[in-house]
Amino acid sequence: MDQQTEQLNSAQEAMYEGKAKRVYRTEDAGVYRVAYKDDATAFNGQKRGTIVGKGVVNNQMSNLFFQLLETKGVHTHFVKELSERETLVRALTMLPIEVVVRNLAAGSMASRLDLEEGMKLAHPIVEFYYKRDDLGDPLVTTDHIEALGLATPSDITQVKQMALRVNEVLSDVLRTVDVILVDFKLEFGKTDEGEILLADEISPDTCRYWDANTNEKLDKDRFRRDLGGVENAYAEMMRRVREVASL
């Protein structure tokens, strides 16, 4: 982080600080400034550490993907990249759900259903999780979401369609740089006018990326599982995404 950014952040209190990002107000009430951190967590905060350069990778990779998705008809919160770690985004009212799209069995799905990691699914699966850290972000059904008033049936339909479109676009482009998009998490929010936008980030923190030739993990699973080479994996994914962006 450059000195000017450090001074700016130290002089302004974040309106929100999460596990991986700080969010600041700006002079425009409809725009927030997001600063990405190098802090790393896993297993709902039970494991903590630092991945040097992670904030830079996650910020820049997310922005490249957001800009690509905008050209493919998926509207996002992205406004402008300010620096290697900071970005301006639309201010949204976030839906309290996480949307996970799975192409292969891995992570919690593999363990929950006793499936072999890497098993190809007949079609992409969309899962919903209730965003409650104190509950461990439990898996919920669309009936839960509607009954608890977390989102409307129309919201759920639109979010699922957008998530599958993101999967289609990113799977296709990553295939060109020998990366398998195993699964990923998305978050969405609403504008004051009620438009649903893709928000949060798309990065090695929120996606499982495997090398298509070796199945080497190029994401936060290297941190979760103590596989080593975490910083190198993030840097390699950034290199490949930049290659996609230059095509």
C-alpha atoms as a PDB file:
ATOM      1  CA  MET A   1       0.000   0.000   0.000  1.00  0.00           C
ATOM      2  CA  ASP A   2       1.440   3.385  -0.937  1.00  0.00           C
ATOM      3  CA  GLN A   3       2.086   6.072   1.697  1.00  0.00           C
ATOM      4  CA  GLN A   4      -0.764   8.294   0.494  1.00  0.00           C
ATOM      5  CA  THR A   5      -3.255   5.428   0.813  1.00  0.00           C
ATOM      6  CA  GLU A   6      -1.961   4.527   4.286  1.00  0.00           C
ATOM      7  CA  GLN A   7      -2.363   8.131   5.441  1.00  0.00           C
ATOM      8  CA  LEU A   8      -5.868   8.344   3.983  1.00  0.00           C
ATOM      9  CA  ASN A   9      -7.009   5.113   5.630  1.00  0.00           C
ATOM     10  CA  SER A  10      -5.464   5.966   8.992  1.00  0.00           C
ATOM     11  CA  ALA A  11      -7.201   9.369   8.965  1.00  0.00           C
ATOM     12  CA  GLN A  12     -10.632   7.958   8.137  1.00  0.00           C
ATOM     13  CA  GLU A  13     -12.516   5.410  10.178  1.00  0.00           C
ATOM     14  CA  ALA A  14     -13.916   2.514   8.177  1.00  0.00           C
ATOM     15  CA  MET A  15     -17.704   2.270   8.166  1.00  0.00           C
ATOM     16  CA  TYR A  16     -17.278  -1.496   7.995  1.00  0.00           C
ATOM     17  CA  GLU A  17     -14.350  -3.873   8.365  1.00  0.00           C
ATOM     18  CA  GLY A  18     -14.663  -7.493   7.348  1.00  0.00           C
ATOM     19  CA  LYS A  19     -12.247 -10.388   7.202  1.00  0.00           C
ATOM     20  CA  ALA A  20     -10.648  -9.292   3.931  1.00  0.00           C
ATOM     21  CA  LYS A  21     -11.717  -5.692   3.264  1.00  0.00           C
ATOM     22  CA  ARG A  22     -12.406  -2.299   4.791  1.00  0.00           C
ATOM     23  CA  VAL A  23     -15.219  -0.132   3.439  1.00  0.00           C
ATOM     24  CA  TYR A  24     -15.159   3.671   3.645  1.00  0.00           C
ATOM     25  CA  ARG A  25     -17.698   6.346   2.816  1.00  0.00           C
ATOM     26  CA  THR A  26     -16.881   8.907   0.141  1.00  0.00           C
ATOM     27  CA  GLU A  27     -18.196  12.387  -0.614  1.00  0.00           C
ATOM     28  CA  ASP A  28     -20.741  10.671  -2.864  1.00  0.00           C
ATOM     29  CA  ALA A  29     -23.342   8.885  -0.721  1.00  0.00           C
ATOM     30  CA  GLY A  30     -23.924   6.427  -3.553  1.00  0.00           C
ATOM     31  CA  VAL A  31     -20.293   5.301  -3.769  1.00  0.00           C
ATOM     32  CA  TYR A  32     -18.034   3.498  -1.277  1.00  0.00           C
ATOM     33  CA  ARG A  33     -14.270   3.047  -1.242  1.00  0.00           C
ATOM     34  CA  VAL A  34     -13.123  -0.532  -0.634  1.00  0.00           C
ATOM     35  CA  ALA A  35      -9.606  -1.339   0.596  1.00  0.00           C
ATOM     36  CA  TYR A  36      -8.400  -4.942   0.332  1.00  0.00           C
ATOM     37  CA  LYS A  37      -6.298  -6.428   3.145  1.00  0.00           C
ATOM     38  CA  ASP A  38      -3.658  -9.160   3.280  1.00  0.00           C
ATOM     39  CA  ASP A  39      -5.376 -10.781   6.268  1.00  0.00           C
ATOM     40  CA  ALA A  40      -6.411 -14.387   5.678  1.00  0.00           C
ATOM     41  CA  THR A  41      -8.989 -16.438   7.553  1.00  0.00           C
ATOM     42  CA  ALA A  42     -10.446 -19.908   7.168  1.00  0.00           C
ATOM     43  CA  PHE A  43     -13.013 -22.123   8.866  1.00  0.00           C
ATOM     44  CA  ASN A  44     -15.198 -19.158   9.909  1.00  0.00           C
ATOM     45  CA  GLY A  45     -12.287 -17.279  11.433  1.00  0.00           C
ATOM     46  CA  GLN A  46     -10.849 -20.190  13.426  1.00  0.00           C
ATOM     47  CA  LYS A  47      -7.651 -20.070  11.370  1.00  0.00           C
ATOM     48  CA  ARG A  48      -5.931 -16.734  10.787  1.00  0.00           C
ATOM     49  CA  GLY A  49      -2.822 -15.563   9.013  1.00  0.00           C
ATOM     50  CA  THR A  50      -1.395 -13.214   6.415  1.00  0.00           C
ATOM     51  CA  ILE A  51      -0.929 -13.775   2.696  1.00  0.00           C
ATOM     52  CA  VAL A  52       1.511 -11.138   1.487  1.00  0.00           C
ATOM     53  CA  GLY A  53       0.145  -9.322  -1.564  1.00  0.00           C
ATOM     54  CA  LYS A  54      -3.283 -10.948  -1.326  1.00  0.00           C
ATOM     55  CA  GLY A  55      -5.077  -7.616  -1.169  1.00  0.00           C
ATOM     56  CA  VAL A  56      -3.456  -6.460  -4.387  1.00  0.00           C
ATOM     57  CA  VAL A  57      -4.325  -9.676  -6.229  1.00  0.00           C
ATOM     58  CA  ASN A  58      -7.909  -9.814  -4.983  1.00  0.00           C
ATOM     59  CA  ASN A  59      -8.592  -6.170  -5.804  1.00  0.00           C
ATOM     60  CA  GLN A  60      -7.148  -6.259  -9.295  1.00  0.00           C
ATOM     61  CA  MET A  61      -8.478  -9.709 -10.215  1.00  0.00           C
ATOM     62  CA  SER A  62     -11.977  -8.822  -9.038  1.00  0.00           C
ATOM     63  CA  ASN A  63     -11.945  -5.625 -11.066  1.00  0.00           C
ATOM     64  CA  LEU A  64     -10.787  -7.377 -14.226  1.00  0.00           C
ATOM     65  CA  PHE A  65     -13.552  -9.951 -13.838  1.00  0.00           C
ATOM     66  CA  PHE A  66     -16.191  -7.318 -13.038  1.00  0.00           C
ATOM     67  CA  GLN A  67     -15.290  -5.349 -16.150  1.00  0.00           C
ATOM     68  CA  LEU A  68     -15.385  -8.515 -18.261  1.00  0.00           C
ATOM     69  CA  LEU A  69     -18.777  -9.501 -16.846  1.00  0.00           C
ATOM     70  CA  GLU A  70     -20.206  -6.046 -17.578  1.00  0.00           C
ATOM     71  CA  THR A  71     -19.458  -6.660 -21.268  1.00  0.00           C
ATOM     72  CA  LYS A  72     -21.353  -9.975 -21.007  1.00  0.00           C
ATOM     73  CA  GLY A  73     -24.523  -8.484 -19.556  1.00  0.00           C
ATOM     74  CA  VAL A  74     -23.875  -9.025 -15.838  1.00  0.00           C
ATOM     75  CA  HIS A  75     -24.208  -5.728 -13.973  1.00  0.00           C
ATOM     76  CA  THR A  76     -21.809  -5.225 -11.046  1.00  0.00           C
ATOM     77  CA  HIS A  77     -21.024  -2.719  -8.303  1.00  0.00           C
ATOM     78  CA  PHE A  78     -17.666  -1.786  -9.892  1.00  0.00           C
ATOM     79  CA  VAL A  79     -17.089   1.932 -10.504  1.00  0.00           C
ATOM     80  CA  LYS A  80     -13.348   2.623 -10.707  1.00  0.00           C
ATOM     81  CA  GLU A  81     -10.039   1.162  -9.556  1.00  0.00           C
ATOM     82  CA  LEU A  82      -8.226   3.764  -7.447  1.00  0.00           C
ATOM     83  CA  SER A  83      -4.973   1.964  -6.672  1.00  0.00           C
ATOM     84  CA  GLU A  84      -3.522  -1.509  -6.487  1.00  0.00           C
ATOM     85  CA  ARG A  85      -5.529  -2.149  -3.301  1.00  0.00           C
ATOM     86  CA  GLU A  86      -8.485   0.216  -3.526  1.00  0.00           C
ATOM     87  CA  THR A  87     -11.619   0.482  -5.643  1.00  0.00           C
ATOM     88  CA  LEU A  88     -14.742   2.622  -5.807  1.00  0.00           C
ATOM     89  CA  VAL A  89     -17.986   0.623  -5.834  1.00  0.00           C
ATOM     90  CA  ARG A  90     -21.714   1.343  -5.889  1.00  0.00           C
ATOM     91  CA  ALA A  91     -23.323   1.567  -2.452  1.00  0.00           C
ATOM     92  CA  LEU A  92     -25.784  -1.310  -2.153  1.00  0.00           C
ATOM     93  CA  THR A  93     -28.107  -2.911   0.348  1.00  0.00           C
ATOM     94  CA  MET A  94     -26.592  -6.375   0.471  1.00  0.00           C
ATOM     95  CA  LEU A  95     -28.722  -9.509   0.351  1.00  0.00           C
ATOM     96  CA  PRO A  96     -27.885 -11.577   3.470  1.00  0.00           C
ATOM     97  CA  ILE A  97     -27.137 -14.683   1.426  1.00  0.00           C
ATOM     98  CA  GLU A  98     -24.062 -16.160  -0.215  1.00  0.00           C
ATOM     99  CA  VAL A  99     -24.537 -17.879  -3.552  1.00  0.00           C
ATOM    100  CA  VAL A 100     -22.206 -20.785  -4.333  1.00  0.00           C
ATOM    101  CA  VAL A 101     -21.931 -22.333  -7.791  1.00  0.00           C
ATOM    102  CA  ARG A 102     -20.278 -25.748  -8.037  1.00  0.00           C
ATOM    103  CA  ASN A 103     -18.980 -27.451 -11.185  1.00  0.00           C
ATOM    104  CA  LEU A 104     -16.998 -30.193  -9.426  1.00  0.00           C
ATOM    105  CA  ALA A 105     -17.417 -31.752  -5.993  1.00  0.00           C
ATOM    106  CA  ALA A 106     -15.048 -30.107  -3.531  1.00  0.00           C
ATOM    107  CA  GLY A 107     -14.911 -28.458  -0.124  1.00  0.00           C
ATOM    108  CA  SER A 108     -17.951 -28.694   2.126  1.00  0.00           C
ATOM    109  CA  MET A 109     -20.107 -30.354  -0.532  1.00  0.00           C
ATOM    110  CA  ALA A 110     -17.637 -33.205  -1.001  1.00  0.00           C
ATOM    111  CA  SER A 111     -17.367 -33.818   2.737  1.00  0.00           C
ATOM    112  CA  ARG A 112     -21.088 -33.336   3.418  1.00  0.00           C
ATOM    113  CA  LEU A 113     -22.168 -35.845   0.750  1.00  0.00           C
ATOM    114  CA  ASP A 114     -19.131 -38.152   0.948  1.00  0.00           C
ATOM    115  CA  LEU A 115     -18.095 -37.429  -2.645  1.00  0.00           C
ATOM    116  CA  GLU A 116     -14.667 -37.792  -4.168  1.00  0.00           C
ATOM    117  CA  GLU A 117     -13.015 -34.401  -4.522  1.00  0.00           C
ATOM    118  CA  GLY A 118     -12.941 -33.403  -8.161  1.00  0.00           C
ATOM    119  CA  MET A 119     -15.922 -35.512  -9.208  1.00  0.00           C
ATOM    120  CA  LYS A 120     -17.575 -33.803 -12.173  1.00  0.00           C
ATOM    121  CA  LEU A 121     -21.205 -32.900 -11.590  1.00  0.00           C
ATOM    122  CA  ALA A 122     -23.858 -33.567 -14.233  1.00  0.00           C
ATOM    123  CA  HIS A 123     -24.606 -29.846 -14.276  1.00  0.00           C
ATOM    124  CA  PRO A 124     -23.627 -26.813 -12.191  1.00  0.00           C
ATOM    125  CA  ILE A 125     -25.228 -26.755  -8.751  1.00  0.00           C
ATOM    126  CA  VAL A 126     -26.332 -23.500  -7.111  1.00  0.00           C
ATOM    127  CA  GLU A 127     -26.393 -23.407  -3.303  1.00  0.00           C
ATOM    128  CA  PHE A 128     -27.493 -20.659  -0.909  1.00  0.00           C
ATOM    129  CA  TYR A 129     -25.968 -19.893   2.483  1.00  0.00           C
ATOM    130  CA  TYR A 130     -27.341 -17.585   5.178  1.00  0.00           C
ATOM    131  CA  LYS A 131     -24.750 -14.897   5.945  1.00  0.00           C
ATOM    132  CA  ARG A 132     -24.436 -15.307   9.704  1.00  0.00           C
ATOM    133  CA  ASP A 133     -20.897 -15.688  11.014  1.00  0.00           C
ATOM    134  CA  ASP A 134     -22.223 -16.636  14.455  1.00  0.00           C
ATOM    135  CA  LEU A 135     -24.046 -19.596  12.879  1.00  0.00           C
ATOM    136  CA  GLY A 136     -21.239 -20.579  10.519  1.00  0.00           C
ATOM    137  CA  ASP A 137     -23.113 -19.370   7.403  1.00  0.00           C
ATOM    138  CA  PRO A 138     -25.512 -22.357   7.228  1.00  0.00           C
ATOM    139  CA  LEU A 139     -26.776 -23.898   3.996  1.00  0.00           C
ATOM    140  CA  VAL A 140     -30.392 -22.879   3.369  1.00  0.00           C
ATOM    141  CA  THR A 141     -33.083 -23.653   0.819  1.00  0.00           C
ATOM    142  CA  THR A 142     -35.054 -21.158  -1.231  1.00  0.00           C
ATOM    143  CA  ASP A 143     -38.010 -21.866   1.087  1.00  0.00           C
ATOM    144  CA  HIS A 144     -35.903 -20.760   4.067  1.00  0.00           C
ATOM    145  CA  ILE A 145     -34.870 -17.603   2.236  1.00  0.00           C
ATOM    146  CA  GLU A 146     -38.452 -16.681   1.359  1.00  0.00           C
ATOM    147  CA  ALA A 147     -39.944 -17.626   4.746  1.00  0.00           C
ATOM    148  CA  LEU A 148     -37.320 -15.630   6.657  1.00  0.00           C
ATOM    149  CA  GLY A 149     -37.704 -12.640   4.371  1.00  0.00           C
ATOM    150  CA  LEU A 150     -34.060 -12.708   3.287  1.00  0.00           C
ATOM    151  CA  ALA A 151     -35.001 -12.223  -0.376  1.00  0.00           C
ATOM    152  CA  THR A 152     -38.102 -12.383  -2.560  1.00  0.00           C
ATOM    153  CA  PRO A 153     -38.837 -15.217  -5.003  1.00  0.00           C
ATOM    154  CA  SER A 154     -38.060 -12.793  -7.828  1.00  0.00           C
ATOM    155  CA  ASP A 155     -34.728 -11.883  -6.217  1.00  0.00           C
ATOM    156  CA  ILE A 156     -33.804 -15.553  -5.873  1.00  0.00           C
ATOM    157  CA  THR A 157     -34.642 -16.295  -9.503  1.00  0.00           C
ATOM    158  CA  GLN A 158     -32.613 -13.341 -10.744  1.00  0.00           C
ATOM    159  CA  VAL A 159     -29.637 -14.058  -8.492  1.00  0.00           C
ATOM    160  CA  LYS A 160     -29.537 -17.686  -9.624  1.00  0.00           C
ATOM    161  CA  GLN A 161     -29.666 -16.662 -13.287  1.00  0.00           C
ATOM    162  CA  MET A 162     -26.870 -14.136 -12.765  1.00  0.00           C
ATOM    163  CA  ALA A 163     -24.739 -16.659 -10.872  1.00  0.00           C
ATOM    164  CA  LEU A 164     -25.060 -19.232 -13.653  1.00  0.00           C
ATOM    165  CA  ARG A 165     -24.180 -16.577 -16.234  1.00  0.00           C
ATOM    166  CA  VAL A 166     -21.071 -15.666 -14.229  1.00  0.00           C
ATOM    167  CA  ASN A 167     -20.168 -19.356 -14.151  1.00  0.00           C
ATOM    168  CA  GLU A 168     -20.579 -19.669 -17.909  1.00  0.00           C
ATOM    169  CA  VAL A 169     -18.473 -16.595 -18.693  1.00  0.00           C
ATOM    170  CA  LEU A 170     -15.660 -17.245 -16.220  1.00  0.00           C
ATOM    171  CA  SER A 171     -15.442 -20.986 -16.912  1.00  0.00           C
ATOM    172  CA  ASP A 172     -15.046 -20.261 -20.618  1.00  0.00           C
ATOM    173  CA  VAL A 173     -12.362 -17.588 -20.262  1.00  0.00           C
ATOM    174  CA  LEU A 174     -10.377 -19.440 -17.601  1.00  0.00           C
ATOM    175  CA  ARG A 175     -10.336 -22.551 -19.756  1.00  0.00           C
ATOM    176  CA  THR A 176      -8.236 -20.589 -22.272  1.00  0.00           C
ATOM    177  CA  VAL A 177      -5.467 -20.228 -19.661  1.00  0.00           C
ATOM    178  CA  ASP A 178      -5.678 -23.836 -18.427  1.00  0.00           C
ATOM    179  CA  VAL A 179      -7.665 -23.134 -15.267  1.00  0.00           C
ATOM    180  CA  ILE A 180     -10.670 -25.142 -14.059  1.00  0.00           C
ATOM    181  CA  LEU A 181     -13.255 -23.117 -12.160  1.00  0.00           C
ATOM    182  CA  VAL A 182     -14.200 -25.733  -9.571  1.00  0.00           C
ATOM    183  CA  ASP A 183     -16.615 -23.624  -7.529  1.00  0.00           C
ATOM    184  CA  PHE A 184     -17.040 -20.073  -6.275  1.00  0.00           C
ATOM    185  CA  LYS A 185     -19.010 -17.807  -3.939  1.00  0.00           C
ATOM    186  CA  LEU A 186     -20.862 -14.667  -4.993  1.00  0.00           C
ATOM    187  CA  GLU A 187     -22.682 -11.917  -3.129  1.00  0.00           C
ATOM    188  CA  PHE A 188     -25.316  -9.555  -4.459  1.00  0.00           C
ATOM    189  CA  GLY A 189     -26.878  -6.271  -3.403  1.00  0.00           C
ATOM    190  CA  LYS A 190     -29.666  -3.912  -4.407  1.00  0.00           C
ATOM    191  CA  THR A 191     -29.513  -0.291  -5.471  1.00  0.00           C
ATOM    192  CA  ASP A 192     -31.995   2.237  -4.094  1.00  0.00           C
ATOM    193  CA  GLU A 193     -33.956   1.665  -7.300  1.00  0.00           C
ATOM    194  CA  GLY A 194     -34.172  -2.078  -6.630  1.00  0.00           C
ATOM    195  CA  GLU A 195     -31.683  -3.253  -9.260  1.00  0.00           C
ATOM    196  CA  ILE A 196     -29.694  -6.327  -8.242  1.00  0.00           C
ATOM    197  CA  LEU A 197     -25.946  -6.034  -8.842  1.00  0.00           C
ATOM    198  CA  LEU A 198     -23.095  -8.489  -8.426  1.00  0.00           C
ATOM    199  CA  ALA A 199     -20.911  -7.268  -5.545  1.00  0.00           C
ATOM    200  CA  ASP A 200     -18.121  -8.304  -3.153  1.00  0.00           C
ATOM    201  CA  GLU A 201     -15.180  -9.934  -4.997  1.00  0.00           C
ATOM    202  CA  ILE A 202     -14.150 -12.715  -7.382  1.00  0.00           C
ATOM    203  CA  SER A 203     -10.715 -13.896  -6.333  1.00  0.00           C
ATOM    204  CA  PRO A 204      -8.646 -16.827  -5.040  1.00  0.00           C
ATOM    205  CA  ASP A 205     -10.312 -16.126  -1.675  1.00  0.00           C
ATOM    206  CA  THR A 206     -13.784 -16.814  -3.045  1.00  0.00           C
ATOM    207  CA  CYS A 207     -13.111 -19.299  -5.869  1.00  0.00           C
ATOM    208  CA  ARG A 208     -11.494 -22.687  -6.242  1.00  0.00           C
ATOM    209  CA  TYR A 209      -9.107 -22.589  -9.190  1.00  0.00           C
ATOM    210  CA  TRP A 210      -7.283 -25.743 -10.312  1.00  0.00           C
ATOM    211  CA  ASP A 211      -4.623 -26.009 -12.965  1.00  0.00           C
ATOM    212  CA  ALA A 212      -6.240 -27.920 -15.826  1.00  0.00           C
ATOM    213  CA  ASN A 213      -3.166 -30.068 -16.464  1.00  0.00           C
ATOM    214  CA  THR A 214      -2.015 -30.918 -12.936  1.00  0.00           C
ATOM    215  CA  ASN A 215      -5.045 -30.167 -10.685  1.00  0.00           C
ATOM    216  CA  GLU A 216      -2.694 -27.979  -8.635  1.00  0.00           C
ATOM    217  CA  LYS A 217      -4.701 -25.687  -6.379  1.00  0.00           C
ATOM    218  CA  LEU A 218      -4.287 -21.980  -7.172  1.00  0.00           C
ATOM    219  CA  ASP A 219      -6.495 -20.529  -4.432  1.00  0.00           C
ATOM    220  CA  LYS A 220      -7.032 -20.163  -0.679  1.00  0.00           C
ATOM    221  CA  ASP A 221      -7.223 -23.929  -0.196  1.00  0.00           C
ATOM    222  CA  ARG A 222      -3.431 -23.756  -0.068  1.00  0.00           C
ATOM    223  CA  PHE A 223      -3.816 -21.657   3.094  1.00  0.00           C
ATOM    224  CA  ARG A 224      -6.696 -23.707   4.502  1.00  0.00           C
ATOM    225  CA  ARG A 225      -4.828 -26.990   4.089  1.00  0.00           C
ATOM    226  CA  ASP A 226      -1.287 -25.784   4.854  1.00  0.00           C
ATOM    227  CA  LEU A 227      -0.101 -26.763   1.374  1.00  0.00           C
ATOM    228  CA  GLY A 228       2.470 -23.961   1.169  1.00  0.00           C
ATOM    229  CA  GLY A 229       3.184 -21.748  -1.803  1.00  0.00           C
ATOM    230  CA  VAL A 230       0.136 -19.588  -1.128  1.00  0.00           C
ATOM    231  CA  GLU A 231       1.600 -16.291  -2.342  1.00  0.00           C
ATOM    232  CA  ASN A 232       2.977 -17.964  -5.465  1.00  0.00           C
ATOM    233  CA  ALA A 233      -0.422 -19.494  -6.266  1.00  0.00           C
ATOM    234  CA  TYR A 234      -2.175 -16.125  -5.966  1.00  0.00           C
ATOM    235  CA  ALA A 235       0.476 -14.487  -8.141  1.00  0.00           C
ATOM    236  CA  GLU A 236       0.190 -17.239 -10.761  1.00  0.00           C
ATOM    237  CA  MET A 237      -3.588 -16.857 -10.926  1.00  0.00           C
ATOM    238  CA  MET A 238      -3.171 -13.107 -11.311  1.00  0.00           C
ATOM    239  CA  ARG A 239      -0.750 -13.694 -14.177  1.00  0.00           C
ATOM    240  CA  ARG A 240      -3.232 -15.971 -15.937  1.00  0.00           C
ATOM    241  CA  VAL A 241      -6.163 -13.604 -15.444  1.00  0.00           C
ATOM    242  CA  ARG A 242      -4.109 -10.743 -16.867  1.00  0.00           C
ATOM    243  CA  GLU A 243      -3.443 -12.988 -19.854  1.00  0.00           C
ATOM    244  CA  VAL A 244      -7.204 -13.469 -20.265  1.00  0.00           C
ATOM    245  CA  ALA A 245      -7.770  -9.717 -20.007  1.00  0.00           C
ATOM    246  CA  SER A 246      -5.242  -9.066 -22.764  1.00  0.00           C
ATOM    247  CA  LEU A 247      -6.951 -11.397 -25.254  1.00  0.00           C
END
